[in-house]
Amino acid sequence: MCRVTAMANLVQIAKKKTRKKRREKKKKIALANSPQKRGTCIKVHIITPKKPCSARRAIARVKLSNGNVVTCHIPGERHNLKRFSTVLVRGGRPNDLPAVKYRIIRGARRTDLHPVYRRRSSRSKYGVKNPWRLHKIRSTRGQGQKIYYNFG
């Protein structure tokens, strides 16, 4: 006798939980479940965004500490990155740049990318400390910003 097996009905599924849950795809694989990763710049250059936008976006090719190589966007106006600069990379993509899924964090400790100076609004995105606090350190004879931002 040939036995025909049918698909499970809803009652059987409710009792035995036979359906497997789908695993979600991870978008930021290179970070390996970390919020940020440190890396070294391999190449720093400029590309143009896709169709409706016209601009020049600064991007960097970064080799992360786990060995992965990713393309990252450098946010803000101007930057001081060059080859072999140390950076901190986070997830988050600019919508008009294809194949760029990561951003570089500005003004992070022990990294080479400086914050966007003289920025008053959205300061936390560009690594800028409170400019109204600088007057307390001005007595350091021109070293105020250097001490305040902990460079070198």
C-alpha atoms as a PDB file:
ATOM      1  CA  MET A   1       0.000   0.000   0.000  1.00  0.00           C
ATOM      2  CA  CYS A   2       1.198   3.426  -0.914  1.00  0.00           C
ATOM      3  CA  ARG A   3       0.749   6.013   1.794  1.00  0.00           C
ATOM      4  CA  VAL A   4       0.158   9.600   0.689  1.00  0.00           C
ATOM      5  CA  THR A   5       1.278  12.306   3.106  1.00  0.00           C
ATOM      6  CA  ALA A   6      -0.526  15.598   2.908  1.00  0.00           C
ATOM      7  CA  MET A   7       0.571  19.018   4.105  1.00  0.00           C
ATOM      8  CA  ALA A   8      -0.101  19.869   7.727  1.00  0.00           C
ATOM      9  CA  ASN A   9      -3.343  21.704   8.412  1.00  0.00           C
ATOM     10  CA  LEU A  10      -3.644  24.692  10.750  1.00  0.00           C
ATOM     11  CA  VAL A  11      -4.598  22.634  13.822  1.00  0.00           C
ATOM     12  CA  GLN A  12      -1.544  20.389  13.422  1.00  0.00           C
ATOM     13  CA  ILE A  13       0.678  23.411  12.932  1.00  0.00           C
ATOM     14  CA  ALA A  14      -0.713  25.066  16.072  1.00  0.00           C
ATOM     15  CA  LYS A  15      -0.018  21.937  18.130  1.00  0.00           C
ATOM     16  CA  LYS A  16       3.418  20.978  16.845  1.00  0.00           C
ATOM     17  CA  LYS A  17       4.846  24.263  15.493  1.00  0.00           C
ATOM     18  CA  THR A  18       6.103  22.524  12.355  1.00  0.00           C
ATOM     19  CA  ARG A  19       6.737  25.676  10.348  1.00  0.00           C
ATOM     20  CA  LYS A  20      10.186  27.139  10.647  1.00  0.00           C
ATOM     21  CA  LYS A  21      10.593  30.863  11.179  1.00  0.00           C
ATOM     22  CA  ARG A  22      12.494  32.721   8.490  1.00  0.00           C
ATOM     23  CA  ARG A  23      15.711  34.324   9.626  1.00  0.00           C
ATOM     24  CA  GLU A  24      16.034  38.046   8.951  1.00  0.00           C
ATOM     25  CA  LYS A  25      18.746  39.142   6.551  1.00  0.00           C
ATOM     26  CA  LYS A  26      21.417  41.239   8.205  1.00  0.00           C
ATOM     27  CA  LYS A  27      22.125  44.495   6.402  1.00  0.00           C
ATOM     28  CA  LYS A  28      25.475  45.353   7.973  1.00  0.00           C
ATOM     29  CA  ILE A  29      27.366  42.055   7.732  1.00  0.00           C
ATOM     30  CA  ALA A  30      30.861  43.578   7.793  1.00  0.00           C
ATOM     31  CA  LEU A  31      30.395  45.028  11.293  1.00  0.00           C
ATOM     32  CA  ALA A  32      29.841  41.488  12.651  1.00  0.00           C
ATOM     33  CA  ASN A  33      27.142  42.397  15.234  1.00  0.00           C
ATOM     34  CA  SER A  34      29.162  45.358  16.558  1.00  0.00           C
ATOM     35  CA  PRO A  35      27.800  48.919  16.695  1.00  0.00           C
ATOM     36  CA  GLN A  36      31.100  50.272  15.303  1.00  0.00           C
ATOM     37  CA  LYS A  37      34.388  48.932  13.999  1.00  0.00           C
ATOM     38  CA  ARG A  38      37.803  50.559  13.733  1.00  0.00           C
ATOM     39  CA  GLY A  39      39.522  50.501  10.366  1.00  0.00           C
ATOM     40  CA  THR A  40      42.251  51.903   8.164  1.00  0.00           C
ATOM     41  CA  CYS A  41      41.635  53.882   4.971  1.00  0.00           C
ATOM     42  CA  ILE A  42      42.876  52.191   1.817  1.00  0.00           C
ATOM     43  CA  LYS A  43      41.647  54.786  -0.681  1.00  0.00           C
ATOM     44  CA  VAL A  44      39.930  58.178  -0.312  1.00  0.00           C
ATOM     45  CA  HIS A  45      38.161  59.631  -3.343  1.00  0.00           C
ATOM     46  CA  ILE A  46      35.021  61.392  -4.626  1.00  0.00           C
ATOM     47  CA  ILE A  47      32.046  59.932  -6.508  1.00  0.00           C
ATOM     48  CA  THR A  48      28.838  61.385  -7.915  1.00  0.00           C
ATOM     49  CA  PRO A  49      25.396  60.273  -6.657  1.00  0.00           C
ATOM     50  CA  LYS A  50      22.721  58.580  -8.733  1.00  0.00           C
ATOM     51  CA  LYS A  51      20.246  60.201 -11.077  1.00  0.00           C
ATOM     52  CA  PRO A  52      18.188  63.104  -9.714  1.00  0.00           C
ATOM     53  CA  CYS A  53      20.965  64.412  -7.425  1.00  0.00           C
ATOM     54  CA  SER A  54      24.093  66.125  -8.645  1.00  0.00           C
ATOM     55  CA  ALA A  55      26.941  66.621  -6.204  1.00  0.00           C
ATOM     56  CA  ARG A  56      30.336  65.245  -5.270  1.00  0.00           C
ATOM     57  CA  ARG A  57      30.346  62.903  -2.289  1.00  0.00           C
ATOM     58  CA  ALA A  58      33.533  62.032  -0.427  1.00  0.00           C
ATOM     59  CA  ILE A  59      33.928  58.313   0.215  1.00  0.00           C
ATOM     60  CA  ALA A  60      36.659  56.065   1.568  1.00  0.00           C
ATOM     61  CA  ARG A  61      37.535  52.433   1.106  1.00  0.00           C
ATOM     62  CA  VAL A  62      38.256  51.098   4.612  1.00  0.00           C
ATOM     63  CA  LYS A  63      39.814  47.846   5.795  1.00  0.00           C
ATOM     64  CA  LEU A  64      38.153  46.985   9.113  1.00  0.00           C
ATOM     65  CA  SER A  65      39.847  45.363  12.100  1.00  0.00           C
ATOM     66  CA  ASN A  66      38.124  42.051  11.283  1.00  0.00           C
ATOM     67  CA  GLY A  67      39.637  42.033   7.769  1.00  0.00           C
ATOM     68  CA  ASN A  68      36.558  43.096   5.779  1.00  0.00           C
ATOM     69  CA  VAL A  69      36.926  45.886   3.230  1.00  0.00           C
ATOM     70  CA  VAL A  70      33.957  48.283   2.971  1.00  0.00           C
ATOM     71  CA  THR A  71      33.070  51.526   1.197  1.00  0.00           C
ATOM     72  CA  CYS A  72      32.143  54.331   3.620  1.00  0.00           C
ATOM     73  CA  HIS A  73      30.686  57.798   3.257  1.00  0.00           C
ATOM     74  CA  ILE A  74      32.518  60.713   4.898  1.00  0.00           C
ATOM     75  CA  PRO A  75      29.796  63.061   6.222  1.00  0.00           C
ATOM     76  CA  GLY A  76      30.070  66.851   6.460  1.00  0.00           C
ATOM     77  CA  GLU A  77      31.990  69.506   4.584  1.00  0.00           C
ATOM     78  CA  ARG A  78      35.728  68.946   4.092  1.00  0.00           C
ATOM     79  CA  HIS A  79      37.808  66.233   5.714  1.00  0.00           C
ATOM     80  CA  ASN A  80      41.428  65.506   6.533  1.00  0.00           C
ATOM     81  CA  LEU A  81      41.530  61.807   5.620  1.00  0.00           C
ATOM     82  CA  LYS A  82      44.247  60.269   3.514  1.00  0.00           C
ATOM     83  CA  ARG A  83      45.615  56.776   2.976  1.00  0.00           C
ATOM     84  CA  PHE A  84      46.386  54.859   6.207  1.00  0.00           C
ATOM     85  CA  SER A  85      44.215  57.171   8.363  1.00  0.00           C
ATOM     86  CA  THR A  86      42.482  55.423  11.277  1.00  0.00           C
ATOM     87  CA  VAL A  87      38.677  55.785  11.357  1.00  0.00           C
ATOM     88  CA  LEU A  88      35.636  54.490  13.229  1.00  0.00           C
ATOM     89  CA  VAL A  89      32.895  53.039  11.001  1.00  0.00           C
ATOM     90  CA  ARG A  90      29.180  52.718  11.784  1.00  0.00           C
ATOM     91  CA  GLY A  91      26.200  51.473   9.795  1.00  0.00           C
ATOM     92  CA  GLY A  92      23.864  53.769   7.869  1.00  0.00           C
ATOM     93  CA  ARG A  93      23.743  54.505   4.183  1.00  0.00           C
ATOM     94  CA  PRO A  94      23.362  57.688   2.152  1.00  0.00           C
ATOM     95  CA  ASN A  95      20.314  57.159  -0.071  1.00  0.00           C
ATOM     96  CA  ASP A  96      21.826  58.521  -3.275  1.00  0.00           C
ATOM     97  CA  LEU A  97      25.047  56.470  -3.264  1.00  0.00           C
ATOM     98  CA  PRO A  98      24.672  52.888  -4.508  1.00  0.00           C
ATOM     99  CA  ALA A  99      26.755  50.180  -2.798  1.00  0.00           C
ATOM    100  CA  VAL A 100      27.705  52.466   0.128  1.00  0.00           C
ATOM    101  CA  LYS A 101      26.242  51.049   3.355  1.00  0.00           C
ATOM    102  CA  TYR A 102      28.479  52.519   6.034  1.00  0.00           C
ATOM    103  CA  ARG A 103      29.435  55.940   7.427  1.00  0.00           C
ATOM    104  CA  ILE A 104      32.558  57.181   9.153  1.00  0.00           C
ATOM    105  CA  ILE A 105      32.131  58.745  12.605  1.00  0.00           C
ATOM    106  CA  ARG A 106      33.626  62.230  12.870  1.00  0.00           C
ATOM    107  CA  GLY A 107      35.493  63.431  15.942  1.00  0.00           C
ATOM    108  CA  ALA A 108      35.801  59.984  17.559  1.00  0.00           C
ATOM    109  CA  ARG A 109      38.621  59.398  20.027  1.00  0.00           C
ATOM    110  CA  ARG A 110      41.890  57.889  18.770  1.00  0.00           C
ATOM    111  CA  THR A 111      40.905  58.417  15.129  1.00  0.00           C
ATOM    112  CA  ASP A 112      42.284  60.771  12.497  1.00  0.00           C
ATOM    113  CA  LEU A 113      39.036  62.313  11.188  1.00  0.00           C
ATOM    114  CA  HIS A 114      38.440  65.730  12.743  1.00  0.00           C
ATOM    115  CA  PRO A 115      34.964  67.103  13.530  1.00  0.00           C
ATOM    116  CA  VAL A 116      33.309  69.721  11.305  1.00  0.00           C
ATOM    117  CA  TYR A 117      34.499  72.953  12.904  1.00  0.00           C
ATOM    118  CA  ARG A 118      32.215  75.969  13.415  1.00  0.00           C
ATOM    119  CA  ARG A 119      29.127  73.812  13.120  1.00  0.00           C
ATOM    120  CA  ARG A 120      26.228  75.142  15.216  1.00  0.00           C
ATOM    121  CA  SER A 121      23.289  72.851  14.330  1.00  0.00           C
ATOM    122  CA  SER A 122      23.182  69.019  14.297  1.00  0.00           C
ATOM    123  CA  ARG A 123      26.501  69.021  16.155  1.00  0.00           C
ATOM    124  CA  SER A 124      26.243  65.446  17.450  1.00  0.00           C
ATOM    125  CA  LYS A 125      26.276  64.036  13.908  1.00  0.00           C
ATOM    126  CA  TYR A 126      29.542  65.769  13.077  1.00  0.00           C
ATOM    127  CA  GLY A 127      31.490  65.308  16.321  1.00  0.00           C
ATOM    128  CA  VAL A 128      31.375  68.958  17.388  1.00  0.00           C
ATOM    129  CA  LYS A 129      31.564  69.836  21.077  1.00  0.00           C
ATOM    130  CA  ASN A 130      29.604  72.738  22.527  1.00  0.00           C
ATOM    131  CA  PRO A 131      31.123  75.944  21.053  1.00  0.00           C
ATOM    132  CA  TRP A 132      29.772  78.046  23.921  1.00  0.00           C
ATOM    133  CA  ARG A 133      31.988  76.127  26.348  1.00  0.00           C
ATOM    134  CA  LEU A 134      35.204  77.053  24.565  1.00  0.00           C
ATOM    135  CA  HIS A 135      35.475  80.411  26.358  1.00  0.00           C
ATOM    136  CA  LYS A 136      36.322  78.576  29.585  1.00  0.00           C
ATOM    137  CA  ILE A 137      39.453  77.116  27.998  1.00  0.00           C
ATOM    138  CA  ARG A 138      40.557  80.230  26.071  1.00  0.00           C
ATOM    139  CA  SER A 139      43.095  81.089  28.776  1.00  0.00           C
ATOM    140  CA  THR A 140      45.359  78.334  27.379  1.00  0.00           C
ATOM    141  CA  ARG A 141      46.955  80.722  24.804  1.00  0.00           C
ATOM    142  CA  GLY A 142      45.545  79.363  21.564  1.00  0.00           C
ATOM    143  CA  GLN A 143      45.571  75.728  22.665  1.00  0.00           C
ATOM    144  CA  GLY A 144      41.878  75.828  23.624  1.00  0.00           C
ATOM    145  CA  GLN A 145      40.536  73.832  20.689  1.00  0.00           C
ATOM    146  CA  LYS A 146      43.360  71.309  20.825  1.00  0.00           C
ATOM    147  CA  ILE A 147      42.751  70.577  24.506  1.00  0.00           C
ATOM    148  CA  TYR A 148      38.974  70.627  24.097  1.00  0.00           C
ATOM    149  CA  TYR A 149      38.935  68.134  21.241  1.00  0.00           C
ATOM    150  CA  ASN A 150      41.759  65.929  22.600  1.00  0.00           C
ATOM    151  CA  PHE A 151      43.857  65.792  19.447  1.00  0.00           C
ATOM    152  CA  GLY A 152      47.248  64.174  19.594  1.00  0.00           C
END
